[in-house]
PDB file of N, CA and C in Angstrom:
ATOM      1  N   MET A   1      43.080  69.431  51.480  1.00  0.00           N
ATOM      2  CA  MET A   1      43.998  69.151  50.378  1.00  0.00           C
ATOM      3  C   MET A   1      45.252  68.440  50.930  1.00  0.00           C
ATOM      4  N   ALA A   2      45.647  68.783  52.121  1.00  0.00           N
ATOM      5  CA  ALA A   2      46.842  68.163  52.672  1.00  0.00           C
ATOM      6  C   ALA A   2      46.935  66.647  52.697  1.00  0.00           C
ATOM      7  N   HIS A   3      45.710  66.076  52.850  1.00  0.00           N
ATOM      8  CA  HIS A   3      45.623  64.584  52.987  1.00  0.00           C
ATOM      9  C   HIS A   3      44.764  63.971  51.824  1.00  0.00           C
ATOM     10  N   ALA A   4      44.681  64.817  50.778  1.00  0.00           N
ATOM     11  CA  ALA A   4      43.765  64.295  49.609  1.00  0.00           C
ATOM     12  C   ALA A   4      44.278  63.050  48.945  1.00  0.00           C
ATOM     13  N   THR A   5      45.572  62.820  48.918  1.00  0.00           N
ATOM     14  CA  THR A   5      46.071  61.641  48.312  1.00  0.00           C
ATOM     15  C   THR A   5      45.905  60.391  49.190  1.00  0.00           C
ATOM     16  N   GLN A   6      45.545  60.538  50.422  1.00  0.00           N
ATOM     17  CA  GLN A   6      45.356  59.489  51.347  1.00  0.00           C
ATOM     18  C   GLN A   6      43.826  59.122  51.328  1.00  0.00           C
ATOM     19  N   THR A   7      43.059  59.842  50.669  1.00  0.00           N
ATOM     20  CA  THR A   7      41.550  59.597  50.564  1.00  0.00           C
ATOM     21  C   THR A   7      41.269  58.376  49.655  1.00  0.00           C
ATOM     22  N   ARG A   8      40.534  57.407  50.060  1.00  0.00           N
ATOM     23  CA  ARG A   8      40.296  56.269  49.292  1.00  0.00           C
ATOM     24  C   ARG A   8      38.799  56.098  49.009  1.00  0.00           C
ATOM     25  N   ASP A   9      38.535  55.455  47.869  1.00  0.00           N
ATOM     26  CA  ASP A   9      37.121  55.191  47.524  1.00  0.00           C
ATOM     27  C   ASP A   9      36.731  53.851  48.231  1.00  0.00           C
ATOM     28  N   ARG A  10      35.534  53.434  48.011  1.00  0.00           N
ATOM     29  CA  ARG A  10      35.043  52.303  48.683  1.00  0.00           C
ATOM     30  C   ARG A  10      35.825  50.942  48.459  1.00  0.00           C
ATOM     31  N   SER A  11      36.457  50.905  47.249  1.00  0.00           N
ATOM     32  CA  SER A  11      37.295  49.759  46.947  1.00  0.00           C
ATOM     33  C   SER A  11      38.728  49.893  47.392  1.00  0.00           C
ATOM     34  N   GLY A  12      39.012  50.973  48.055  1.00  0.00           N
ATOM     35  CA  GLY A  12      40.356  51.169  48.570  1.00  0.00           C
ATOM     36  C   GLY A  12      41.352  51.859  47.666  1.00  0.00           C
ATOM     37  N   GLN A  13      40.906  52.343  46.475  1.00  0.00           N
ATOM     38  CA  GLN A  13      41.737  53.007  45.569  1.00  0.00           C
ATOM     39  C   GLN A  13      41.758  54.467  45.849  1.00  0.00           C
ATOM     40  N   PRO A  14      42.935  55.066  45.731  1.00  0.00           N
ATOM     41  CA  PRO A  14      43.081  56.538  45.938  1.00  0.00           C
ATOM     42  C   PRO A  14      42.117  57.311  45.062  1.00  0.00           C
ATOM     43  N   ILE A  15      41.503  58.314  45.622  1.00  0.00           N
ATOM     44  CA  ILE A  15      40.648  59.194  44.747  1.00  0.00           C
ATOM     45  C   ILE A  15      41.502  60.145  44.039  1.00  0.00           C
ATOM     46  N   PHE A  16      42.541  60.645  44.649  1.00  0.00           N
ATOM     47  CA  PHE A  16      43.433  61.577  44.065  1.00  0.00           C
ATOM     48  C   PHE A  16      44.867  61.100  44.045  1.00  0.00           C
ATOM     49  N   ASN A  17      45.507  61.074  42.948  1.00  0.00           N
ATOM     50  CA  ASN A  17      46.893  60.618  42.878  1.00  0.00           C
ATOM     51  C   ASN A  17      47.916  61.584  43.375  1.00  0.00           C
ATOM     52  N   GLN A  18      47.606  62.901  43.132  1.00  0.00           N
ATOM     53  CA  GLN A  18      48.411  64.008  43.560  1.00  0.00           C
ATOM     54  C   GLN A  18      47.732  65.227  43.641  1.00  0.00           C
ATOM     55  N   VAL A  19      48.186  66.154  44.453  1.00  0.00           N
ATOM     56  CA  VAL A  19      47.704  67.519  44.469  1.00  0.00           C
ATOM     57  C   VAL A  19      48.842  68.412  43.953  1.00  0.00           C
ATOM     58  N   THR A  20      48.625  68.995  42.843  1.00  0.00           N
ATOM     59  CA  THR A  20      49.675  69.800  42.162  1.00  0.00           C
ATOM     60  C   THR A  20      49.699  71.255  42.645  1.00  0.00           C
ATOM     61  N   PRO A  21      50.812  71.914  42.514  1.00  0.00           N
ATOM     62  CA  PRO A  21      50.893  73.323  42.879  1.00  0.00           C
ATOM     63  C   PRO A  21      49.666  74.144  42.198  1.00  0.00           C
ATOM     64  N   GLN A  22      49.304  73.758  40.962  1.00  0.00           N
ATOM     65  CA  GLN A  22      48.214  74.376  40.257  1.00  0.00           C
ATOM     66  C   GLN A  22      46.875  74.139  40.961  1.00  0.00           C
ATOM     67  N   ASP A  23      46.708  72.895  41.521  1.00  0.00           N
ATOM     68  CA  ASP A  23      45.531  72.648  42.241  1.00  0.00           C
ATOM     69  C   ASP A  23      45.433  73.525  43.489  1.00  0.00           C
ATOM     70  N   VAL A  24      46.502  73.667  44.198  1.00  0.00           N
ATOM     71  CA  VAL A  24      46.543  74.535  45.382  1.00  0.00           C
ATOM     72  C   VAL A  24      46.325  75.965  44.960  1.00  0.00           C
ATOM     73  N   HIS A  25      46.890  76.388  43.887  1.00  0.00           N
ATOM     74  CA  HIS A  25      46.762  77.860  43.469  1.00  0.00           C
ATOM     75  C   HIS A  25      45.259  78.016  43.155  1.00  0.00           C
ATOM     76  N   ASP A  26      44.615  76.990  42.430  1.00  0.00           N
ATOM     77  CA  ASP A  26      43.193  77.231  41.991  1.00  0.00           C
ATOM     78  C   ASP A  26      42.277  77.149  43.150  1.00  0.00           C
ATOM     79  N   ALA A  27      42.572  76.389  44.153  1.00  0.00           N
ATOM     80  CA  ALA A  27      41.652  76.453  45.390  1.00  0.00           C
ATOM     81  C   ALA A  27      41.807  77.718  46.174  1.00  0.00           C
ATOM     82  N   ILE A  28      43.020  78.189  46.239  1.00  0.00           N
ATOM     83  CA  ILE A  28      43.172  79.491  46.930  1.00  0.00           C
ATOM     84  C   ILE A  28      42.485  80.636  46.191  1.00  0.00           C
ATOM     85  N   ASN A  29      42.622  80.687  44.822  1.00  0.00           N
ATOM     86  CA  ASN A  29      41.813  81.642  43.982  1.00  0.00           C
ATOM     87  C   ASN A  29      40.301  81.507  44.165  1.00  0.00           C
ATOM     88  N   ALA A  30      39.900  80.282  44.172  1.00  0.00           N
ATOM     89  CA  ALA A  30      38.392  80.030  44.283  1.00  0.00           C
ATOM     90  C   ALA A  30      37.957  80.495  45.622  1.00  0.00           C
ATOM     91  N   ALA A  31      38.711  80.248  46.679  1.00  0.00           N
ATOM     92  CA  ALA A  31      38.242  80.690  47.992  1.00  0.00           C
ATOM     93  C   ALA A  31      38.165  82.191  48.023  1.00  0.00           C
ATOM     94  N   GLY A  32      39.174  82.943  47.412  1.00  0.00           N
ATOM     95  CA  GLY A  32      39.144  84.346  47.425  1.00  0.00           C
ATOM     96  C   GLY A  32      37.989  84.919  46.545  1.00  0.00           C
ATOM     97  N   ALA A  33      37.705  84.252  45.500  1.00  0.00           N
ATOM     98  CA  ALA A  33      36.591  84.753  44.621  1.00  0.00           C
ATOM     99  C   ALA A  33      35.309  84.797  45.231  1.00  0.00           C
ATOM    100  N   VAL A  34      35.149  83.975  46.261  1.00  0.00           N
ATOM    101  CA  VAL A  34      33.759  83.988  46.886  1.00  0.00           C
ATOM    102  C   VAL A  34      33.788  84.602  48.326  1.00  0.00           C
ATOM    103  N   GLY A  35      34.835  85.398  48.541  1.00  0.00           N
ATOM    104  CA  GLY A  35      34.833  86.162  49.736  1.00  0.00           C
ATOM    105  C   GLY A  35      33.795  87.153  49.736  1.00  0.00           C
ATOM    106  N   ASP A  36      33.183  87.567  50.973  1.00  0.00           N
ATOM    107  CA  ASP A  36      32.080  88.469  50.996  1.00  0.00           C
ATOM    108  C   ASP A  36      32.411  89.800  50.361  1.00  0.00           C
ATOM    109  N   ASP A  37      33.674  90.228  50.482  1.00  0.00           N
ATOM    110  CA  ASP A  37      34.015  91.549  49.887  1.00  0.00           C
ATOM    111  C   ASP A  37      33.892  91.451  48.318  1.00  0.00           C
ATOM    112  N   ALA A  38      34.412  90.275  47.791  1.00  0.00           N
ATOM    113  CA  ALA A  38      34.451  90.179  46.404  1.00  0.00           C
ATOM    114  C   ALA A  38      33.005  90.061  45.791  1.00  0.00           C
ATOM    115  N   ILE A  39      32.160  89.387  46.551  1.00  0.00           N
ATOM    116  CA  ILE A  39      30.728  89.213  46.099  1.00  0.00           C
ATOM    117  C   ILE A  39      30.033  90.609  46.178  1.00  0.00           C
ATOM    118  N   GLN A  40      30.307  91.373  47.222  1.00  0.00           N
ATOM    119  CA  GLN A  40      29.673  92.660  47.267  1.00  0.00           C
ATOM    120  C   GLN A  40      30.150  93.637  46.182  1.00  0.00           C
ATOM    121  N   LYS A  41      31.424  93.539  45.905  1.00  0.00           N
ATOM    122  CA  LYS A  41      31.950  94.306  44.756  1.00  0.00           C
ATOM    123  C   LYS A  41      31.341  93.932  43.442  1.00  0.00           C
ATOM    124  N   GLN A  42      31.268  92.587  43.167  1.00  0.00           N
ATOM    125  CA  GLN A  42      30.714  92.113  41.948  1.00  0.00           C
ATOM    126  C   GLN A  42      29.229  92.561  41.835  1.00  0.00           C
ATOM    127  N   ALA A  43      28.588  92.636  42.938  1.00  0.00           N
ATOM    128  CA  ALA A  43      27.155  93.100  42.917  1.00  0.00           C
ATOM    129  C   ALA A  43      27.011  94.568  42.764  1.00  0.00           C
ATOM    130  N   GLY A  44      28.084  95.271  42.715  1.00  0.00           N
ATOM    131  CA  GLY A  44      28.026  96.756  42.618  1.00  0.00           C
ATOM    132  C   GLY A  44      27.662  97.479  43.904  1.00  0.00           C
ATOM    133  N   ARG A  45      27.768  96.748  45.043  1.00  0.00           N
ATOM    134  CA  ARG A  45      27.571  97.364  46.335  1.00  0.00           C
ATOM    135  C   ARG A  45      28.771  97.752  47.061  1.00  0.00           C
ATOM    136  N   PRO A  46      28.766  98.701  47.898  1.00  0.00           N
ATOM    137  CA  PRO A  46      29.868  99.085  48.726  1.00  0.00           C
ATOM    138  C   PRO A  46      30.275  97.884  49.604  1.00  0.00           C
ATOM    139  N   VAL A  47      31.572  97.675  49.941  1.00  0.00           N
ATOM    140  CA  VAL A  47      32.017  96.648  50.774  1.00  0.00           C
ATOM    141  C   VAL A  47      31.656  97.023  52.244  1.00  0.00           C
ATOM    142  N   ASN A  48      30.809  96.142  52.898  1.00  0.00           N
ATOM    143  CA  ASN A  48      30.494  96.490  54.310  1.00  0.00           C
ATOM    144  C   ASN A  48      30.790  95.224  55.147  1.00  0.00           C
ATOM    145  N   GLN A  49      31.950  95.329  55.879  1.00  0.00           N
ATOM    146  CA  GLN A  49      32.370  94.326  56.723  1.00  0.00           C
ATOM    147  C   GLN A  49      31.350  93.849  57.780  1.00  0.00           C
ATOM    148  N   GLU A  50      30.539  94.682  58.158  1.00  0.00           N
ATOM    149  CA  GLU A  50      29.456  94.354  59.170  1.00  0.00           C
ATOM    150  C   GLU A  50      28.506  93.339  58.628  1.00  0.00           C
ATOM    151  N   THR A  51      28.430  93.119  57.363  1.00  0.00           N
ATOM    152  CA  THR A  51      27.511  92.131  56.810  1.00  0.00           C
ATOM    153  C   THR A  51      28.192  90.843  56.240  1.00  0.00           C
ATOM    154  N   PHE A  52      29.479  90.877  56.507  1.00  0.00           N
ATOM    155  CA  PHE A  52      30.154  89.600  56.139  1.00  0.00           C
ATOM    156  C   PHE A  52      29.640  88.338  56.885  1.00  0.00           C
ATOM    157  N   THR A  53      29.454  87.293  56.179  1.00  0.00           N
ATOM    158  CA  THR A  53      29.057  86.070  56.851  1.00  0.00           C
ATOM    159  C   THR A  53      29.949  84.858  56.597  1.00  0.00           C
ATOM    160  N   HIS A  54      30.877  84.963  55.611  1.00  0.00           N
ATOM    161  CA  HIS A  54      31.813  83.910  55.292  1.00  0.00           C
ATOM    162  C   HIS A  54      33.262  84.343  55.211  1.00  0.00           C
ATOM    163  N   GLY A  55      33.553  85.612  55.479  1.00  0.00           N
ATOM    164  CA  GLY A  55      34.902  86.103  55.544  1.00  0.00           C
ATOM    165  C   GLY A  55      35.241  86.851  54.248  1.00  0.00           C
ATOM    166  N   SER A  56      36.265  87.669  54.393  1.00  0.00           N
ATOM    167  CA  SER A  56      36.840  88.364  53.207  1.00  0.00           C
ATOM    168  C   SER A  56      37.549  87.461  52.379  1.00  0.00           C
ATOM    169  N   SER A  57      37.832  87.887  51.157  1.00  0.00           N
ATOM    170  CA  SER A  57      38.717  87.158  50.230  1.00  0.00           C
ATOM    171  C   SER A  57      40.026  86.762  50.837  1.00  0.00           C
ATOM    172  N   GLN A  58      40.654  87.728  51.482  1.00  0.00           N
ATOM    173  CA  GLN A  58      42.004  87.530  52.100  1.00  0.00           C
ATOM    174  C   GLN A  58      41.875  86.571  53.262  1.00  0.00           C
ATOM    175  N   GLN A  59      40.844  86.556  54.050  1.00  0.00           N
ATOM    176  CA  GLN A  59      40.701  85.633  55.130  1.00  0.00           C
ATOM    177  C   GLN A  59      40.448  84.263  54.625  1.00  0.00           C
ATOM    178  N   ARG A  60      39.606  84.071  53.562  1.00  0.00           N
ATOM    179  CA  ARG A  60      39.374  82.771  53.027  1.00  0.00           C
ATOM    180  C   ARG A  60      40.649  82.187  52.448  1.00  0.00           C
ATOM    181  N   GLU A  61      41.391  83.090  51.726  1.00  0.00           N
ATOM    182  CA  GLU A  61      42.628  82.543  51.105  1.00  0.00           C
ATOM    183  C   GLU A  61      43.632  82.085  52.188  1.00  0.00           C
ATOM    184  N   GLN A  62      43.728  82.873  53.313  1.00  0.00           N
ATOM    185  CA  GLN A  62      44.699  82.601  54.420  1.00  0.00           C
ATOM    186  C   GLN A  62      44.231  81.276  55.037  1.00  0.00           C
ATOM    187  N   TRP A  63      42.956  81.007  55.192  1.00  0.00           N
ATOM    188  CA  TRP A  63      42.569  79.782  55.943  1.00  0.00           C
ATOM    189  C   TRP A  63      42.776  78.547  55.039  1.00  0.00           C
ATOM    190  N   VAL A  64      42.534  78.684  53.697  1.00  0.00           N
ATOM    191  CA  VAL A  64      42.787  77.635  52.854  1.00  0.00           C
ATOM    192  C   VAL A  64      44.258  77.238  52.860  1.00  0.00           C
ATOM    193  N   THR A  65      45.126  78.242  52.798  1.00  0.00           N
ATOM    194  CA  THR A  65      46.526  78.081  52.855  1.00  0.00           C
ATOM    195  C   THR A  65      47.027  77.434  54.124  1.00  0.00           C
ATOM    196  N   THR A  66      46.456  77.960  55.262  1.00  0.00           N
ATOM    197  CA  THR A  66      46.783  77.377  56.574  1.00  0.00           C
ATOM    198  C   THR A  66      46.415  75.941  56.649  1.00  0.00           C
ATOM    199  N   GLY A  67      45.259  75.578  56.170  1.00  0.00           N
ATOM    200  CA  GLY A  67      44.770  74.198  56.229  1.00  0.00           C
ATOM    201  C   GLY A  67      45.637  73.317  55.346  1.00  0.00           C
ATOM    202  N   TYR A  68      45.965  73.758  54.238  1.00  0.00           N
ATOM    203  CA  TYR A  68      46.823  72.961  53.320  1.00  0.00           C
ATOM    204  C   TYR A  68      48.174  72.750  53.915  1.00  0.00           C
ATOM    205  N   ARG A  69      48.832  73.836  54.347  1.00  0.00           N
ATOM    206  CA  ARG A  69      50.168  73.665  54.902  1.00  0.00           C
ATOM    207  C   ARG A  69      50.223  72.872  56.149  1.00  0.00           C
ATOM    208  N   SER A  70      49.334  72.941  57.094  1.00  0.00           N
ATOM    209  CA  SER A  70      49.368  72.270  58.348  1.00  0.00           C
ATOM    210  C   SER A  70      48.809  70.876  58.221  1.00  0.00           C
ATOM    211  N   GLY A  71      47.681  70.771  57.475  1.00  0.00           N
ATOM    212  CA  GLY A  71      47.039  69.439  57.391  1.00  0.00           C
ATOM    213  C   GLY A  71      46.236  69.162  58.673  1.00  0.00           C
ATOM    214  N   ASP A  72      46.139  70.047  59.577  1.00  0.00           N
ATOM    215  CA  ASP A  72      45.514  69.860  60.869  1.00  0.00           C
ATOM    216  C   ASP A  72      44.363  70.734  60.994  1.00  0.00           C
ATOM    217  N   PRO A  73      43.086  70.095  61.019  1.00  0.00           N
ATOM    218  CA  PRO A  73      41.963  70.911  61.221  1.00  0.00           C
ATOM    219  C   PRO A  73      41.851  71.852  62.365  1.00  0.00           C
ATOM    220  N   LYS A  74      42.614  71.453  63.389  1.00  0.00           N
ATOM    221  CA  LYS A  74      42.749  72.334  64.656  1.00  0.00           C
ATOM    222  C   LYS A  74      43.407  73.667  64.304  1.00  0.00           C
ATOM    223  N   ALA A  75      44.270  73.623  63.358  1.00  0.00           N
ATOM    224  CA  ALA A  75      44.961  74.879  62.888  1.00  0.00           C
ATOM    225  C   ALA A  75      44.024  75.925  62.173  1.00  0.00           C
ATOM    226  N   CYS A  76      42.815  75.476  61.912  1.00  0.00           N
ATOM    227  CA  CYS A  76      41.936  76.299  61.220  1.00  0.00           C
ATOM    228  C   CYS A  76      40.727  76.783  62.071  1.00  0.00           C
ATOM    229  N   ASN A  77      41.025  77.193  63.237  1.00  0.00           N
ATOM    230  CA  ASN A  77      39.907  77.724  64.014  1.00  0.00           C
ATOM    231  C   ASN A  77      39.807  79.170  63.646  1.00  0.00           C
ATOM    232  N   THR A  78      38.863  79.346  62.718  1.00  0.00           N
ATOM    233  CA  THR A  78      38.614  80.684  62.123  1.00  0.00           C
ATOM    234  C   THR A  78      38.060  81.644  62.997  1.00  0.00           C
ATOM    235  N   PHE A  79      37.525  81.200  64.236  1.00  0.00           N
ATOM    236  CA  PHE A  79      36.823  82.087  65.137  1.00  0.00           C
ATOM    237  C   PHE A  79      37.775  82.488  66.181  1.00  0.00           C
ATOM    238  N   GLY A  80      38.673  81.656  66.563  1.00  0.00           N
ATOM    239  CA  GLY A  80      39.670  81.933  67.683  1.00  0.00           C
ATOM    240  C   GLY A  80      41.046  82.122  67.211  1.00  0.00           C
ATOM    241  N   GLY A  81      41.353  81.703  65.994  1.00  0.00           N
ATOM    242  CA  GLY A  81      42.717  81.779  65.399  1.00  0.00           C
ATOM    243  C   GLY A  81      43.169  83.181  65.042  1.00  0.00           C
ATOM    244  N   ALA A  82      44.403  83.399  65.068  1.00  0.00           N
ATOM    245  CA  ALA A  82      44.952  84.605  64.592  1.00  0.00           C
ATOM    246  C   ALA A  82      45.200  84.558  63.076  1.00  0.00           C
ATOM    247  N   LEU A  83      44.834  85.567  62.340  1.00  0.00           N
ATOM    248  CA  LEU A  83      44.997  85.656  60.932  1.00  0.00           C
ATOM    249  C   LEU A  83      46.282  86.424  60.685  1.00  0.00           C
ATOM    250  N   GLY A  84      47.078  85.786  59.931  1.00  0.00           N
ATOM    251  CA  GLY A  84      48.353  86.451  59.589  1.00  0.00           C
ATOM    252  C   GLY A  84      49.236  85.520  58.782  1.00  0.00           C
ATOM    253  N   GLY A  85      50.432  86.036  58.494  1.00  0.00           N
ATOM    254  CA  GLY A  85      51.248  85.335  57.529  1.00  0.00           C
ATOM    255  C   GLY A  85      51.846  84.101  58.132  1.00  0.00           C
TER     256      GLY A  85
END
């Protein structure tokens, strides 16, 4: 998202004119909605971190936020990076 307005189509036109605060909010909410814990809860199962394959809602929200704020893919090392505020 950090560089979305720099993305061009084949003719050189911007694909996105702007990324609004609402767009960012929606992306963070979408990431959280498909966290392994949220999916397990929605399925009526107990939350079991041992079976997570794509991260918790909180982790997914944190990494979307980190990526957007930094704009640097290297800042999003979800395997080696520290999760925090």
